[in-house]
Amino acid sequence: MDSSRVYGSLKTSRTPEYKPVSPSSLPSDACRCPHWHQLALKLSCAGLILLFLSLIGLSVLVRVLVQRPPIAKYSVSTQENRTEPTGGSSTLRCPRDWHPYREKCLFVSQTSGPWSEGLAQCSMKEATLLIIENEEELRFLHAFSKRRGHQFFIGLNYVPVEKIWKWINGSILNPDLVQIMGTNEENSCAVISQTEVFSDFCSADNRWICQKKLKYV
C-alpha cells in the first residue's frame, strides 16, 4: 500500500480542534432573565416596603391609643369632678336652718332691724336679701308669711334719683309681677306680708328673708 495515501486519509478524518466560545461572541440577551421575572421582583420589593411602612404606622397608632384614655371615661370623670367637687357622694341640700324652695334656700331671721341690717346679715351668710322671680314664688311667700305670722324685708328698694324700684341685683321691678302698695319716697324699702308687698321706711324694724342657691353637701 502506498504510504502517502494512508497518511492523507488519516489527516483528512481527524476531528476538528475544539475552540471555546468567548463571552463576547454570545448573543446579547443570552443571560437576561425573562421579562415577567423582573416584574415579579419589582412587585415583591414594593410589597415588602408597603408592609414595612404599615407595621410602623400600626405600632404608632397602638402607642397613641394606649397613652390616651377613653373618651367616655374622661367625660364621666369630668362630669363627676364638676358635680361633686369634694369627691364621694353629694346631694343638693340647704344648710341647717335654711328652707328649700325649688333651686333656692331661704333663711328667715329670728330678729328684726332696719333693711340695711338685713342686707349685711345676709351677706355674712354668703347670701342676699330675697328676690322674687315669678308669680308662683310670690304666692308661696305670701303663704309663708301667713304661717309665720310676720312681715319681712326683701331685696327691693326705691331709688329716688331714677324714681324706680330696683332689686339689689340691679334689675328693675316688673310692675306686672309685684305691685308696691303705699307711697314711693326716699328711704323706702319693700316689705312682704301675707297679702301684699308694700313700701315701708328702710329704717323701720322688720324681719328679713335671705336667699342662696342650693349647693352640694
N, C-alpha and C. Protein backbone atom coordinates (compact mmCIF):
# COMPACT_ATOMS: atom_id res chain seq x y z
N MET A 1 0.88 -1.20 0.00
CA MET A 1 0.00 0.00 0.00
C MET A 1 0.89 1.21 0.00
N ASP A 2 0.37 2.22 -0.67
CA ASP A 2 1.11 3.45 -0.77
C ASP A 2 1.02 4.20 0.53
N SER A 3 2.15 4.46 1.15
CA SER A 3 2.16 5.13 2.47
C SER A 3 1.67 6.54 2.41
N SER A 4 1.83 7.23 1.35
CA SER A 4 1.36 8.62 1.23
C SER A 4 -0.14 8.70 1.21
N ARG A 5 -0.80 7.65 0.63
CA ARG A 5 -2.25 7.65 0.58
C ARG A 5 -2.83 7.42 1.97
N VAL A 6 -2.22 6.52 2.72
CA VAL A 6 -2.72 6.26 4.07
C VAL A 6 -2.57 7.48 4.95
N TYR A 7 -1.56 8.12 4.91
CA TYR A 7 -1.31 9.33 5.70
C TYR A 7 -2.29 10.42 5.35
N GLY A 8 -2.59 10.53 4.07
CA GLY A 8 -3.57 11.55 3.65
C GLY A 8 -4.92 11.25 4.16
N SER A 9 -5.32 9.95 4.22
CA SER A 9 -6.66 9.61 4.73
C SER A 9 -6.78 9.91 6.20
N LEU A 10 -5.72 9.58 6.96
CA LEU A 10 -5.75 9.86 8.40
C LEU A 10 -5.82 11.33 8.68
N LYS A 11 -5.16 12.09 7.92
CA LYS A 11 -5.17 13.54 8.11
C LYS A 11 -6.51 14.14 7.80
N THR A 12 -7.17 13.52 6.81
CA THR A 12 -8.48 14.06 6.40
C THR A 12 -9.54 13.74 7.42
N SER A 13 -9.52 12.55 8.07
CA SER A 13 -10.57 12.15 9.02
C SER A 13 -10.33 12.62 10.44
N ARG A 14 -9.45 13.45 10.74
CA ARG A 14 -9.14 13.96 12.09
C ARG A 14 -10.26 14.87 12.60
N THR A 15 -10.54 14.69 13.87
CA THR A 15 -11.62 15.51 14.48
C THR A 15 -11.18 16.96 14.59
N PRO A 16 -12.05 17.85 14.22
CA PRO A 16 -11.66 19.29 14.27
C PRO A 16 -11.33 19.69 15.69
N GLU A 17 -10.41 20.59 15.88
CA GLU A 17 -9.96 21.08 17.20
C GLU A 17 -11.04 21.94 17.84
N TYR A 18 -11.33 21.71 19.20
CA TYR A 18 -12.37 22.47 19.94
C TYR A 18 -11.84 23.83 20.32
N LYS A 19 -12.57 24.80 19.97
CA LYS A 19 -12.22 26.18 20.33
C LYS A 19 -13.32 26.74 21.22
N PRO A 20 -12.98 27.15 22.49
CA PRO A 20 -14.01 27.72 23.38
C PRO A 20 -14.57 29.01 22.83
N VAL A 21 -15.83 29.15 23.07
CA VAL A 21 -16.51 30.35 22.58
C VAL A 21 -16.30 31.46 23.57
N SER A 22 -15.86 32.58 23.16
CA SER A 22 -15.62 33.74 24.04
C SER A 22 -16.94 34.38 24.41
N PRO A 23 -16.97 34.98 25.60
CA PRO A 23 -18.23 35.63 26.03
C PRO A 23 -18.71 36.69 25.07
N SER A 24 -17.79 37.33 24.41
CA SER A 24 -18.19 38.40 23.51
C SER A 24 -18.93 37.90 22.30
N SER A 25 -18.75 36.58 22.05
CA SER A 25 -19.39 36.05 20.86
C SER A 25 -20.81 35.57 21.13
N LEU A 26 -21.24 35.52 22.47
CA LEU A 26 -22.61 35.09 22.80
C LEU A 26 -23.61 36.15 22.39
N PRO A 27 -24.86 35.75 22.19
CA PRO A 27 -25.90 36.75 21.88
C PRO A 27 -26.09 37.70 23.05
N SER A 28 -26.49 38.91 22.80
CA SER A 28 -26.60 39.95 23.83
C SER A 28 -27.66 39.63 24.88
N ASP A 29 -28.69 38.84 24.58
CA ASP A 29 -29.76 38.51 25.53
C ASP A 29 -29.67 37.09 26.05
N ALA A 30 -28.47 36.44 25.94
CA ALA A 30 -28.35 35.04 26.34
C ALA A 30 -28.46 34.88 27.84
N CYS A 31 -28.01 35.85 28.72
CA CYS A 31 -28.03 35.73 30.17
C CYS A 31 -29.12 36.57 30.82
N ARG A 32 -29.95 37.22 30.10
CA ARG A 32 -31.02 38.04 30.66
C ARG A 32 -32.19 37.18 31.11
N CYS A 33 -32.79 37.61 32.31
CA CYS A 33 -33.97 36.90 32.81
C CYS A 33 -35.17 37.26 31.96
N PRO A 34 -36.18 36.43 31.99
CA PRO A 34 -37.42 36.77 31.25
C PRO A 34 -38.04 38.04 31.83
N HIS A 35 -38.84 38.72 31.04
CA HIS A 35 -39.44 39.99 31.45
C HIS A 35 -40.36 39.84 32.66
N TRP A 36 -41.16 38.78 32.75
CA TRP A 36 -42.08 38.61 33.88
C TRP A 36 -41.33 38.37 35.18
N HIS A 37 -40.10 37.79 35.10
CA HIS A 37 -39.30 37.64 36.32
C HIS A 37 -38.93 39.00 36.89
N GLN A 38 -38.54 39.91 36.03
CA GLN A 38 -38.17 41.26 36.50
C GLN A 38 -39.38 41.98 37.11
N LEU A 39 -40.53 41.84 36.49
CA LEU A 39 -41.74 42.48 37.00
C LEU A 39 -42.13 41.92 38.37
N ALA A 40 -42.00 40.58 38.51
CA ALA A 40 -42.32 39.95 39.80
C ALA A 40 -41.37 40.43 40.89
N LEU A 41 -40.11 40.59 40.55
CA LEU A 41 -39.12 41.07 41.52
C LEU A 41 -39.44 42.49 41.97
N LYS A 42 -39.81 43.34 41.06
CA LYS A 42 -40.16 44.72 41.41
C LYS A 42 -41.40 44.77 42.31
N LEU A 43 -42.41 43.96 41.96
CA LEU A 43 -43.63 43.95 42.77
C LEU A 43 -43.35 43.41 44.18
N SER A 44 -42.49 42.42 44.27
CA SER A 44 -42.14 41.88 45.59
C SER A 44 -41.45 42.92 46.45
N CYS A 45 -40.53 43.67 45.85
CA CYS A 45 -39.84 44.74 46.60
C CYS A 45 -40.82 45.81 47.07
N ALA A 46 -41.74 46.21 46.18
CA ALA A 46 -42.73 47.23 46.55
C ALA A 46 -43.64 46.72 47.68
N GLY A 47 -44.04 45.44 47.62
CA GLY A 47 -44.87 44.88 48.67
C GLY A 47 -44.17 44.84 50.01
N LEU A 48 -42.90 44.51 50.01
CA LEU A 48 -42.14 44.50 51.26
C LEU A 48 -42.04 45.90 51.87
N ILE A 49 -41.84 46.90 51.01
CA ILE A 49 -41.75 48.28 51.50
C ILE A 49 -43.08 48.72 52.12
N LEU A 50 -44.19 48.41 51.42
CA LEU A 50 -45.51 48.78 51.95
C LEU A 50 -45.80 48.06 53.26
N LEU A 51 -45.43 46.80 53.36
CA LEU A 51 -45.63 46.04 54.58
C LEU A 51 -44.85 46.64 55.74
N PHE A 52 -43.63 47.05 55.47
CA PHE A 52 -42.78 47.66 56.50
C PHE A 52 -43.38 48.98 56.99
N LEU A 53 -43.85 49.82 56.04
CA LEU A 53 -44.46 51.09 56.42
C LEU A 53 -45.76 50.87 57.20
N SER A 54 -46.52 49.84 56.82
CA SER A 54 -47.77 49.55 57.55
C SER A 54 -47.50 49.13 58.97
N LEU A 55 -46.44 48.33 59.16
CA LEU A 55 -46.09 47.92 60.52
C LEU A 55 -45.69 49.10 61.38
N ILE A 56 -44.95 50.05 60.79
CA ILE A 56 -44.54 51.25 61.53
C ILE A 56 -45.77 52.06 61.92
N GLY A 57 -46.69 52.29 60.97
CA GLY A 57 -47.89 53.07 61.26
C GLY A 57 -48.76 52.40 62.31
N LEU A 58 -48.88 51.07 62.25
CA LEU A 58 -49.69 50.35 63.22
C LEU A 58 -49.10 50.45 64.63
N SER A 59 -47.79 50.38 64.72
CA SER A 59 -47.15 50.50 66.04
C SER A 59 -47.35 51.89 66.64
N VAL A 60 -47.29 52.93 65.79
CA VAL A 60 -47.52 54.29 66.28
C VAL A 60 -48.96 54.46 66.75
N LEU A 61 -49.92 53.91 66.00
CA LEU A 61 -51.33 54.02 66.36
C LEU A 61 -51.61 53.32 67.68
N VAL A 62 -51.05 52.13 67.86
CA VAL A 62 -51.25 51.40 69.11
C VAL A 62 -50.69 52.17 70.29
N ARG A 63 -49.53 52.79 70.10
CA ARG A 63 -48.92 53.57 71.18
C ARG A 63 -49.79 54.76 71.57
N VAL A 64 -50.39 55.45 70.56
CA VAL A 64 -51.25 56.60 70.83
C VAL A 64 -52.50 56.17 71.58
N LEU A 65 -53.12 55.05 71.13
CA LEU A 65 -54.35 54.58 71.77
C LEU A 65 -54.10 54.13 73.20
N VAL A 66 -52.95 53.56 73.46
CA VAL A 66 -52.63 53.11 74.81
C VAL A 66 -52.43 54.29 75.75
N GLN A 67 -51.79 55.35 75.25
CA GLN A 67 -51.50 56.51 76.10
C GLN A 67 -52.71 57.38 76.32
N ARG A 68 -53.67 57.44 75.38
CA ARG A 68 -54.84 58.31 75.51
C ARG A 68 -55.96 57.57 76.21
N PRO A 69 -56.56 58.15 77.29
CA PRO A 69 -57.67 57.48 77.98
C PRO A 69 -58.92 57.49 77.14
N PRO A 70 -59.82 56.55 77.33
CA PRO A 70 -61.07 56.51 76.57
C PRO A 70 -61.87 57.78 76.76
N ILE A 71 -62.55 58.21 75.69
CA ILE A 71 -63.32 59.46 75.72
C ILE A 71 -64.46 59.37 76.71
N ALA A 72 -65.15 58.24 76.73
CA ALA A 72 -66.30 58.10 77.63
C ALA A 72 -65.86 58.18 79.08
N LYS A 73 -64.74 57.52 79.40
CA LYS A 73 -64.25 57.55 80.78
C LYS A 73 -63.86 58.95 81.17
N TYR A 74 -63.21 59.67 80.23
CA TYR A 74 -62.80 61.04 80.54
C TYR A 74 -64.01 61.93 80.76
N SER A 75 -65.05 61.74 79.94
CA SER A 75 -66.25 62.58 80.08
C SER A 75 -66.92 62.34 81.41
N VAL A 76 -67.02 61.06 81.82
CA VAL A 76 -67.64 60.76 83.10
C VAL A 76 -66.85 61.34 84.25
N SER A 77 -65.52 61.23 84.18
CA SER A 77 -64.68 61.77 85.24
C SER A 77 -64.82 63.28 85.33
N THR A 78 -64.87 63.95 84.16
CA THR A 78 -65.03 65.40 84.16
C THR A 78 -66.35 65.81 84.77
N GLN A 79 -67.42 65.07 84.41
CA GLN A 79 -68.73 65.40 84.97
C GLN A 79 -68.75 65.18 86.47
N GLU A 80 -68.13 64.10 86.94
CA GLU A 80 -68.11 63.84 88.38
C GLU A 80 -67.36 64.93 89.11
N ASN A 81 -66.25 65.41 88.52
CA ASN A 81 -65.49 66.46 89.17
C ASN A 81 -66.27 67.77 89.20
N ARG A 82 -67.09 67.96 88.15
CA ARG A 82 -67.84 69.20 88.11
C ARG A 82 -69.02 69.19 89.07
N THR A 83 -69.72 68.03 89.17
CA THR A 83 -70.92 67.97 90.00
C THR A 83 -70.62 67.59 91.44
N GLU A 84 -69.50 66.96 91.69
CA GLU A 84 -69.15 66.56 93.04
C GLU A 84 -67.73 67.01 93.34
N PRO A 85 -67.53 68.32 93.54
CA PRO A 85 -66.17 68.83 93.69
C PRO A 85 -65.43 68.28 94.89
N THR A 86 -66.13 67.83 95.94
CA THR A 86 -65.44 67.36 97.13
C THR A 86 -65.19 65.86 97.08
N GLY A 87 -65.64 65.18 96.03
CA GLY A 87 -65.46 63.74 95.93
C GLY A 87 -66.50 63.00 96.72
N GLY A 88 -66.72 61.76 96.35
CA GLY A 88 -67.70 60.96 97.07
C GLY A 88 -69.12 61.28 96.64
N SER A 89 -70.07 60.82 97.43
CA SER A 89 -71.48 61.01 97.10
C SER A 89 -71.96 62.35 97.65
N SER A 90 -72.53 63.20 96.76
CA SER A 90 -73.01 64.52 97.17
C SER A 90 -74.43 64.70 96.67
N THR A 91 -75.22 65.45 97.43
CA THR A 91 -76.58 65.77 97.03
C THR A 91 -76.83 67.25 97.26
N LEU A 92 -77.83 67.76 96.54
CA LEU A 92 -78.20 69.17 96.70
C LEU A 92 -79.02 69.33 97.97
N ARG A 93 -78.51 70.11 98.88
CA ARG A 93 -79.20 70.34 100.14
C ARG A 93 -79.02 71.78 100.59
N CYS A 94 -79.92 72.20 101.45
CA CYS A 94 -79.79 73.51 102.08
C CYS A 94 -79.05 73.36 103.40
N PRO A 95 -78.33 74.38 103.81
CA PRO A 95 -77.68 74.32 105.13
C PRO A 95 -78.72 74.23 106.24
N ARG A 96 -78.25 73.90 107.41
CA ARG A 96 -79.15 73.81 108.57
C ARG A 96 -79.82 75.16 108.82
N ASP A 97 -81.09 75.14 109.17
CA ASP A 97 -81.92 76.31 109.47
C ASP A 97 -82.32 77.07 108.20
N TRP A 98 -82.06 76.51 107.03
CA TRP A 98 -82.49 77.11 105.78
C TRP A 98 -83.62 76.24 105.21
N HIS A 99 -84.55 76.89 104.47
CA HIS A 99 -85.72 76.21 103.93
C HIS A 99 -85.60 76.09 102.41
N PRO A 100 -85.73 74.88 101.86
CA PRO A 100 -85.61 74.73 100.41
C PRO A 100 -86.86 75.22 99.68
N TYR A 101 -86.64 75.87 98.56
CA TYR A 101 -87.73 76.23 97.66
C TYR A 101 -87.15 76.21 96.24
N ARG A 102 -87.55 75.19 95.48
CA ARG A 102 -87.04 74.98 94.13
C ARG A 102 -85.51 75.00 94.13
N GLU A 103 -84.87 75.92 93.44
CA GLU A 103 -83.40 75.96 93.40
C GLU A 103 -82.82 76.93 94.42
N LYS A 104 -83.63 77.33 95.39
CA LYS A 104 -83.18 78.30 96.39
C LYS A 104 -83.20 77.69 97.78
N CYS A 105 -82.44 78.31 98.65
CA CYS A 105 -82.52 78.06 100.08
C CYS A 105 -82.89 79.39 100.74
N LEU A 106 -83.90 79.38 101.59
CA LEU A 106 -84.40 80.60 102.23
C LEU A 106 -84.09 80.57 103.72
N PHE A 107 -83.65 81.73 104.22
CA PHE A 107 -83.38 81.87 105.65
C PHE A 107 -84.25 82.98 106.21
N VAL A 108 -84.97 82.68 107.27
CA VAL A 108 -85.85 83.65 107.91
C VAL A 108 -85.21 84.12 109.20
N SER A 109 -85.01 85.40 109.31
CA SER A 109 -84.36 85.93 110.52
C SER A 109 -85.27 85.76 111.73
N GLN A 110 -84.64 85.55 112.87
CA GLN A 110 -85.39 85.45 114.12
C GLN A 110 -85.39 86.78 114.87
N THR A 111 -84.62 87.71 114.36
CA THR A 111 -84.58 89.05 114.96
C THR A 111 -85.04 90.06 113.92
N SER A 112 -85.28 91.27 114.36
CA SER A 112 -85.73 92.33 113.46
C SER A 112 -84.77 93.51 113.53
N GLY A 113 -84.85 94.35 112.50
CA GLY A 113 -83.98 95.51 112.43
C GLY A 113 -84.23 96.26 111.15
N PRO A 114 -83.44 97.27 110.84
CA PRO A 114 -83.61 98.03 109.60
C PRO A 114 -83.19 97.20 108.38
N TRP A 115 -83.54 97.70 107.22
CA TRP A 115 -83.25 97.00 105.95
C TRP A 115 -81.75 96.80 105.77
N SER A 116 -80.96 97.79 106.14
CA SER A 116 -79.51 97.70 105.97
C SER A 116 -78.91 96.58 106.82
N GLU A 117 -79.50 96.33 107.99
CA GLU A 117 -79.01 95.24 108.84
C GLU A 117 -79.30 93.89 108.20
N GLY A 118 -80.49 93.77 107.65
CA GLY A 118 -80.83 92.53 106.95
C GLY A 118 -79.90 92.29 105.76
N LEU A 119 -79.58 93.37 105.04
CA LEU A 119 -78.66 93.26 103.90
C LEU A 119 -77.29 92.76 104.35
N ALA A 120 -76.81 93.31 105.47
CA ALA A 120 -75.49 92.92 105.97
C ALA A 120 -75.50 91.49 106.51
N GLN A 121 -76.56 91.11 107.22
CA GLN A 121 -76.63 89.77 107.79
C GLN A 121 -76.70 88.70 106.69
N CYS A 122 -77.43 88.98 105.63
CA CYS A 122 -77.49 88.03 104.51
C CYS A 122 -76.13 87.89 103.84
N SER A 123 -75.44 89.01 103.70
CA SER A 123 -74.11 88.98 103.09
C SER A 123 -73.13 88.15 103.91
N MET A 124 -73.24 88.24 105.23
CA MET A 124 -72.37 87.44 106.10
C MET A 124 -72.64 85.95 105.94
N LYS A 125 -73.84 85.58 105.53
CA LYS A 125 -74.19 84.19 105.29
C LYS A 125 -73.96 83.78 103.85
N GLU A 126 -73.23 84.62 103.10
CA GLU A 126 -72.96 84.37 101.68
C GLU A 126 -74.27 84.25 100.90
N ALA A 127 -75.19 85.16 101.21
CA ALA A 127 -76.50 85.17 100.58
C ALA A 127 -76.89 86.61 100.29
N THR A 128 -78.09 86.79 99.78
CA THR A 128 -78.63 88.12 99.51
C THR A 128 -80.05 88.19 100.06
N LEU A 129 -80.57 89.40 100.20
CA LEU A 129 -81.99 89.54 100.51
C LEU A 129 -82.82 88.95 99.38
N LEU A 130 -83.99 88.49 99.71
CA LEU A 130 -84.82 87.74 98.77
C LEU A 130 -85.17 88.56 97.52
N ILE A 131 -85.08 87.87 96.36
CA ILE A 131 -85.50 88.44 95.07
C ILE A 131 -86.62 87.56 94.53
N ILE A 132 -87.80 88.14 94.33
CA ILE A 132 -88.95 87.39 93.84
C ILE A 132 -88.87 87.34 92.31
N GLU A 133 -88.94 86.12 91.76
CA GLU A 133 -88.71 85.96 90.33
C GLU A 133 -89.97 85.68 89.52
N ASN A 134 -91.02 85.17 90.13
CA ASN A 134 -92.23 84.87 89.37
C ASN A 134 -93.46 84.87 90.30
N GLU A 135 -94.64 84.76 89.70
CA GLU A 135 -95.88 84.82 90.47
C GLU A 135 -96.02 83.62 91.41
N GLU A 136 -95.57 82.47 91.00
CA GLU A 136 -95.66 81.29 91.85
C GLU A 136 -94.86 81.49 93.14
N GLU A 137 -93.67 82.06 93.00
CA GLU A 137 -92.85 82.33 94.18
C GLU A 137 -93.50 83.39 95.06
N LEU A 138 -94.15 84.37 94.44
CA LEU A 138 -94.84 85.41 95.19
C LEU A 138 -95.96 84.81 96.04
N ARG A 139 -96.75 83.90 95.45
CA ARG A 139 -97.83 83.24 96.21
C ARG A 139 -97.27 82.40 97.35
N PHE A 140 -96.17 81.71 97.07
CA PHE A 140 -95.54 80.90 98.12
C PHE A 140 -95.12 81.77 99.30
N LEU A 141 -94.55 82.94 99.03
CA LEU A 141 -94.06 83.81 100.09
C LEU A 141 -95.21 84.44 100.88
N HIS A 142 -96.32 84.74 100.21
CA HIS A 142 -97.49 85.22 100.95
C HIS A 142 -97.96 84.16 101.93
N ALA A 143 -98.04 82.91 101.47
CA ALA A 143 -98.47 81.82 102.35
C ALA A 143 -97.45 81.58 103.46
N PHE A 144 -96.18 81.71 103.12
CA PHE A 144 -95.12 81.53 104.12
C PHE A 144 -95.22 82.59 105.21
N SER A 145 -95.46 83.83 104.80
CA SER A 145 -95.61 84.93 105.77
C SER A 145 -96.83 84.70 106.66
N LYS A 146 -97.88 84.16 106.08
CA LYS A 146 -99.09 83.89 106.87
C LYS A 146 -98.82 82.84 107.94
N ARG A 147 -98.09 81.77 107.55
CA ARG A 147 -97.78 80.72 108.52
C ARG A 147 -96.88 81.24 109.64
N ARG A 148 -95.96 82.11 109.27
CA ARG A 148 -95.03 82.63 110.27
C ARG A 148 -95.63 83.74 111.11
N GLY A 149 -96.64 84.41 110.58
CA GLY A 149 -97.27 85.50 111.31
C GLY A 149 -96.40 86.75 111.37
N HIS A 150 -95.53 86.94 110.38
CA HIS A 150 -94.66 88.12 110.35
C HIS A 150 -94.61 88.69 108.94
N GLN A 151 -94.11 89.90 108.85
CA GLN A 151 -93.81 90.52 107.56
C GLN A 151 -92.29 90.66 107.46
N PHE A 152 -91.77 90.68 106.22
CA PHE A 152 -90.33 90.58 106.04
C PHE A 152 -89.82 91.58 105.00
N PHE A 153 -88.64 92.15 105.27
CA PHE A 153 -87.94 92.91 104.25
C PHE A 153 -87.48 91.94 103.14
N ILE A 154 -87.53 92.43 101.90
CA ILE A 154 -86.98 91.68 100.77
C ILE A 154 -85.96 92.58 100.05
N GLY A 155 -85.30 92.03 99.06
CA GLY A 155 -84.22 92.77 98.40
C GLY A 155 -84.69 93.75 97.36
N LEU A 156 -85.57 94.64 97.73
CA LEU A 156 -86.15 95.62 96.82
C LEU A 156 -86.24 96.97 97.52
N ASN A 157 -85.73 98.02 96.88
CA ASN A 157 -85.80 99.36 97.48
C ASN A 157 -86.02 100.40 96.38
N TYR A 158 -86.48 101.57 96.83
CA TYR A 158 -86.82 102.65 95.90
C TYR A 158 -85.60 103.53 95.68
N VAL A 159 -85.34 103.85 94.38
CA VAL A 159 -84.21 104.72 94.01
C VAL A 159 -84.80 106.08 93.61
N PRO A 160 -84.74 107.08 94.49
CA PRO A 160 -85.41 108.37 94.21
C PRO A 160 -84.82 109.11 93.02
N VAL A 161 -83.52 108.98 92.78
CA VAL A 161 -82.90 109.69 91.64
C VAL A 161 -83.51 109.20 90.33
N GLU A 162 -83.71 107.89 90.22
CA GLU A 162 -84.28 107.33 88.99
C GLU A 162 -85.79 107.19 89.08
N LYS A 163 -86.34 107.34 90.30
CA LYS A 163 -87.76 107.22 90.54
C LYS A 163 -88.31 105.85 90.12
N ILE A 164 -87.56 104.83 90.47
CA ILE A 164 -87.97 103.47 90.16
C ILE A 164 -87.61 102.55 91.33
N TRP A 165 -88.27 101.39 91.37
CA TRP A 165 -87.93 100.36 92.33
C TRP A 165 -86.93 99.40 91.67
N LYS A 166 -85.90 99.05 92.43
CA LYS A 166 -84.88 98.15 91.91
C LYS A 166 -84.59 97.03 92.91
N TRP A 167 -84.35 95.86 92.34
CA TRP A 167 -83.87 94.75 93.15
C TRP A 167 -82.38 94.96 93.43
N ILE A 168 -81.88 94.29 94.45
CA ILE A 168 -80.49 94.51 94.84
C ILE A 168 -79.49 93.98 93.80
N ASN A 169 -79.94 93.17 92.84
CA ASN A 169 -79.05 92.73 91.76
C ASN A 169 -79.01 93.72 90.60
N GLY A 170 -79.71 94.86 90.75
CA GLY A 170 -79.68 95.91 89.73
C GLY A 170 -80.81 95.87 88.74
N SER A 171 -81.63 94.81 88.75
CA SER A 171 -82.73 94.73 87.80
C SER A 171 -83.91 95.58 88.27
N ILE A 172 -84.66 96.11 87.30
CA ILE A 172 -85.80 96.99 87.59
C ILE A 172 -87.03 96.15 87.88
N LEU A 173 -87.83 96.58 88.84
CA LEU A 173 -89.03 95.86 89.21
C LEU A 173 -90.02 95.81 88.06
N ASN A 174 -90.60 94.62 87.83
CA ASN A 174 -91.66 94.45 86.85
C ASN A 174 -92.99 94.68 87.56
N PRO A 175 -93.69 95.76 87.25
CA PRO A 175 -94.94 96.05 87.97
C PRO A 175 -96.03 95.02 87.71
N ASP A 176 -95.90 94.24 86.62
CA ASP A 176 -96.88 93.19 86.36
C ASP A 176 -96.68 92.01 87.31
N LEU A 177 -95.50 91.91 87.88
CA LEU A 177 -95.22 90.83 88.81
C LEU A 177 -95.52 91.25 90.25
N VAL A 178 -94.97 92.37 90.65
CA VAL A 178 -95.16 92.86 92.02
C VAL A 178 -95.64 94.31 91.97
N GLN A 179 -96.75 94.56 92.62
CA GLN A 179 -97.27 95.93 92.76
C GLN A 179 -97.01 96.41 94.19
N ILE A 180 -96.29 97.52 94.29
CA ILE A 180 -95.91 98.05 95.60
C ILE A 180 -97.06 98.93 96.13
N MET A 181 -97.57 98.58 97.27
CA MET A 181 -98.61 99.38 97.90
C MET A 181 -97.97 100.45 98.80
N GLY A 182 -98.56 101.63 98.84
CA GLY A 182 -98.02 102.72 99.65
C GLY A 182 -97.33 103.75 98.78
N THR A 183 -96.67 104.67 99.44
CA THR A 183 -96.03 105.79 98.73
C THR A 183 -94.58 105.44 98.38
N ASN A 184 -94.15 106.02 97.27
CA ASN A 184 -92.77 105.85 96.84
C ASN A 184 -91.98 107.08 97.26
N GLU A 185 -91.23 106.94 98.31
CA GLU A 185 -90.48 108.07 98.84
C GLU A 185 -89.02 107.67 99.04
N GLU A 186 -88.22 108.67 99.30
CA GLU A 186 -86.82 108.40 99.61
C GLU A 186 -86.73 107.56 100.89
N ASN A 187 -85.77 106.67 100.92
CA ASN A 187 -85.58 105.76 102.06
C ASN A 187 -86.76 104.81 102.21
N SER A 188 -87.27 104.32 101.07
CA SER A 188 -88.36 103.35 101.08
C SER A 188 -87.84 101.98 100.66
N CYS A 189 -88.23 100.96 101.38
CA CYS A 189 -87.84 99.58 101.09
C CYS A 189 -89.10 98.71 101.09
N ALA A 190 -89.04 97.61 100.34
CA ALA A 190 -90.22 96.76 100.18
C ALA A 190 -90.30 95.72 101.29
N VAL A 191 -91.53 95.50 101.76
CA VAL A 191 -91.82 94.51 102.79
C VAL A 191 -92.93 93.60 102.27
N ILE A 192 -92.80 92.30 102.46
CA ILE A 192 -93.83 91.36 102.03
C ILE A 192 -94.58 90.85 103.26
N SER A 193 -95.90 90.81 103.13
CA SER A 193 -96.75 90.30 104.20
C SER A 193 -97.57 89.14 103.65
N GLN A 194 -98.55 88.71 104.41
CA GLN A 194 -99.33 87.56 103.97
C GLN A 194 -100.30 87.89 102.84
N THR A 195 -100.47 89.19 102.53
CA THR A 195 -101.44 89.57 101.50
C THR A 195 -100.88 90.48 100.42
N GLU A 196 -99.80 91.20 100.72
CA GLU A 196 -99.32 92.21 99.77
C GLU A 196 -97.83 92.49 99.96
N VAL A 197 -97.29 93.31 99.01
CA VAL A 197 -95.94 93.86 99.13
C VAL A 197 -96.12 95.37 99.22
N PHE A 198 -95.61 95.96 100.28
CA PHE A 198 -95.85 97.40 100.49
C PHE A 198 -94.54 98.13 100.79
N SER A 199 -94.62 99.43 100.66
CA SER A 199 -93.48 100.30 100.91
C SER A 199 -93.42 100.65 102.40
N ASP A 200 -92.22 100.53 102.98
CA ASP A 200 -92.01 100.90 104.37
C ASP A 200 -90.67 101.62 104.46
N PHE A 201 -90.48 102.36 105.53
CA PHE A 201 -89.19 103.04 105.70
C PHE A 201 -88.08 101.99 105.86
N CYS A 202 -86.97 102.24 105.20
CA CYS A 202 -85.84 101.32 105.30
C CYS A 202 -85.31 101.24 106.73
N SER A 203 -85.58 102.27 107.51
CA SER A 203 -85.12 102.29 108.90
C SER A 203 -86.12 101.63 109.85
N ALA A 204 -87.26 101.15 109.31
CA ALA A 204 -88.26 100.50 110.15
C ALA A 204 -87.73 99.18 110.69
N ASP A 205 -88.41 98.67 111.71
CA ASP A 205 -87.99 97.45 112.38
C ASP A 205 -88.78 96.27 111.84
N ASN A 206 -88.13 95.47 111.00
CA ASN A 206 -88.78 94.29 110.41
C ASN A 206 -87.80 93.11 110.37
N ARG A 207 -88.37 91.94 110.27
CA ARG A 207 -87.53 90.78 109.99
C ARG A 207 -87.21 90.76 108.49
N TRP A 208 -86.39 89.81 108.05
CA TRP A 208 -85.99 89.75 106.65
C TRP A 208 -85.84 88.30 106.21
N ILE A 209 -85.79 88.10 104.90
CA ILE A 209 -85.59 86.77 104.31
C ILE A 209 -84.35 86.83 103.41
N CYS A 210 -83.43 85.91 103.64
CA CYS A 210 -82.23 85.78 102.79
C CYS A 210 -82.43 84.62 101.83
N GLN A 211 -81.69 84.65 100.75
CA GLN A 211 -81.74 83.54 99.79
C GLN A 211 -80.33 83.21 99.29
N LYS A 212 -80.10 81.92 98.97
CA LYS A 212 -78.89 81.47 98.31
C LYS A 212 -79.25 80.25 97.48
N LYS A 213 -78.38 79.88 96.56
CA LYS A 213 -78.63 78.72 95.71
C LYS A 213 -78.33 77.42 96.45
N LEU A 214 -79.03 76.38 96.02
CA LEU A 214 -78.75 75.05 96.55
C LEU A 214 -77.30 74.68 96.25
N LYS A 215 -76.65 73.96 97.16
CA LYS A 215 -75.26 73.55 96.99
C LYS A 215 -75.13 72.07 97.31
N TYR A 216 -74.05 71.48 96.75
CA TYR A 216 -73.73 70.09 97.08
C TYR A 216 -73.12 70.01 98.46
N VAL A 217 -73.65 69.14 99.28
CA VAL A 217 -73.13 68.95 100.62
C VAL A 217 -72.96 67.46 100.90
